[in-house]
Amino acid sequence: MKIEELTISVWASNEEVALLEKLKKPIRLSSLNEHDQFRIQSLIRKDLVIKTGDEDPLVVANENKKPI
């Protein structure tokens, strides 16, 4: 079995899934409230969200990964 054949699912809460729906298009991290920023940091660690940039970064949902 090859690594590419494995499908790994990542668990996400209902709140995180709702937040992922907002992130279909890139959004500035600073435009979100503190609670959502905390949730996005969790999603970044789970590799469900991609953060680009250092100062005032953009965040967008990772289309290659889907939560269960």
C-alpha atoms as a PDB file:
ATOM      1  CA  MET A   1       0.000   0.000   0.000  1.00  0.00           C
ATOM      2  CA  LYS A   2       1.288   3.451  -0.906  1.00  0.00           C
ATOM      3  CA  ILE A   3       0.994   6.544   1.225  1.00  0.00           C
ATOM      4  CA  GLU A   4      -1.030   8.287  -1.502  1.00  0.00           C
ATOM      5  CA  GLU A   5      -3.685   5.559  -1.222  1.00  0.00           C
ATOM      6  CA  LEU A   6      -4.337   6.247   2.453  1.00  0.00           C
ATOM      7  CA  THR A   7      -7.201   8.552   3.281  1.00  0.00           C
ATOM      8  CA  ILE A   8      -6.767  10.304   6.596  1.00  0.00           C
ATOM      9  CA  SER A   9      -9.773  12.094   8.034  1.00  0.00           C
ATOM     10  CA  VAL A  10      -9.457  14.932  10.510  1.00  0.00           C
ATOM     11  CA  TRP A  11     -12.109  15.500  13.160  1.00  0.00           C
ATOM     12  CA  ALA A  12     -13.575  19.006  13.408  1.00  0.00           C
ATOM     13  CA  SER A  13     -16.310  20.386  15.643  1.00  0.00           C
ATOM     14  CA  ASN A  14     -19.542  21.829  14.235  1.00  0.00           C
ATOM     15  CA  GLU A  15     -18.266  25.305  15.016  1.00  0.00           C
ATOM     16  CA  GLU A  16     -15.039  24.658  13.092  1.00  0.00           C
ATOM     17  CA  VAL A  17     -16.958  23.277  10.101  1.00  0.00           C
ATOM     18  CA  ALA A  18     -19.135  26.415  10.040  1.00  0.00           C
ATOM     19  CA  LEU A  19     -16.006  28.555  10.133  1.00  0.00           C
ATOM     20  CA  LEU A  20     -14.493  26.568   7.255  1.00  0.00           C
ATOM     21  CA  GLU A  21     -17.553  27.449   5.165  1.00  0.00           C
ATOM     22  CA  LYS A  22     -16.663  31.149   5.592  1.00  0.00           C
ATOM     23  CA  LEU A  23     -13.114  30.484   4.411  1.00  0.00           C
ATOM     24  CA  LYS A  24     -13.877  29.439   0.840  1.00  0.00           C
ATOM     25  CA  LYS A  25     -12.258  32.719  -0.248  1.00  0.00           C
ATOM     26  CA  PRO A  26      -9.136  34.254   1.350  1.00  0.00           C
ATOM     27  CA  ILE A  27      -9.883  36.468   4.371  1.00  0.00           C
ATOM     28  CA  ARG A  28      -7.549  38.668   6.425  1.00  0.00           C
ATOM     29  CA  LEU A  29      -6.996  37.094   9.832  1.00  0.00           C
ATOM     30  CA  SER A  30      -7.228  40.521  11.489  1.00  0.00           C
ATOM     31  CA  SER A  31     -10.768  41.023  10.148  1.00  0.00           C
ATOM     32  CA  LEU A  32     -12.093  38.172  12.313  1.00  0.00           C
ATOM     33  CA  ASN A  33     -12.964  38.402  15.989  1.00  0.00           C
ATOM     34  CA  GLU A  34     -10.663  36.939  18.654  1.00  0.00           C
ATOM     35  CA  HIS A  35     -12.742  33.772  19.138  1.00  0.00           C
ATOM     36  CA  ASP A  36     -12.662  32.954  15.407  1.00  0.00           C
ATOM     37  CA  GLN A  37      -8.917  33.679  15.278  1.00  0.00           C
ATOM     38  CA  PHE A  38      -8.390  31.125  18.053  1.00  0.00           C
ATOM     39  CA  ARG A  39     -10.455  28.536  16.142  1.00  0.00           C
ATOM     40  CA  ILE A  40      -8.507  29.249  12.948  1.00  0.00           C
ATOM     41  CA  GLN A  41      -5.207  28.647  14.761  1.00  0.00           C
ATOM     42  CA  SER A  42      -6.580  25.226  15.722  1.00  0.00           C
ATOM     43  CA  LEU A  43      -7.615  24.541  12.119  1.00  0.00           C
ATOM     44  CA  ILE A  44      -4.148  25.563  10.904  1.00  0.00           C
ATOM     45  CA  ARG A  45      -2.590  22.971  13.230  1.00  0.00           C
ATOM     46  CA  LYS A  46      -5.033  20.373  11.867  1.00  0.00           C
ATOM     47  CA  ASP A  47      -3.970  21.384   8.305  1.00  0.00           C
ATOM     48  CA  LEU A  48      -7.556  22.321   7.375  1.00  0.00           C
ATOM     49  CA  VAL A  49      -6.670  26.000   6.849  1.00  0.00           C
ATOM     50  CA  ILE A  50      -3.736  27.583   5.036  1.00  0.00           C
ATOM     51  CA  LYS A  51      -2.187  30.831   6.313  1.00  0.00           C
ATOM     52  CA  THR A  52      -0.152  32.953   3.909  1.00  0.00           C
ATOM     53  CA  GLY A  53       1.877  36.027   4.760  1.00  0.00           C
ATOM     54  CA  ASP A  54       3.597  37.314   7.875  1.00  0.00           C
ATOM     55  CA  GLU A  55       2.093  40.731   8.523  1.00  0.00           C
ATOM     56  CA  ASP A  56      -1.713  40.678   8.470  1.00  0.00           C
ATOM     57  CA  PRO A  57      -1.876  37.158   6.947  1.00  0.00           C
ATOM     58  CA  LEU A  58      -4.589  35.755   4.718  1.00  0.00           C
ATOM     59  CA  VAL A  59      -6.317  32.498   5.655  1.00  0.00           C
ATOM     60  CA  VAL A  60      -8.224  30.150   3.360  1.00  0.00           C
ATOM     61  CA  ALA A  61      -9.672  26.638   3.681  1.00  0.00           C
ATOM     62  CA  ASN A  62      -7.415  23.828   2.459  1.00  0.00           C
ATOM     63  CA  GLU A  63      -9.365  22.198  -0.381  1.00  0.00           C
ATOM     64  CA  ASN A  64      -7.227  19.045  -0.258  1.00  0.00           C
ATOM     65  CA  LYS A  65      -8.323  18.144   3.287  1.00  0.00           C
ATOM     66  CA  LYS A  66     -11.892  17.509   4.399  1.00  0.00           C
ATOM     67  CA  PRO A  67     -13.090  17.213   8.001  1.00  0.00           C
ATOM     68  CA  ILE A  68     -15.243  14.295   9.100  1.00  0.00           C
END
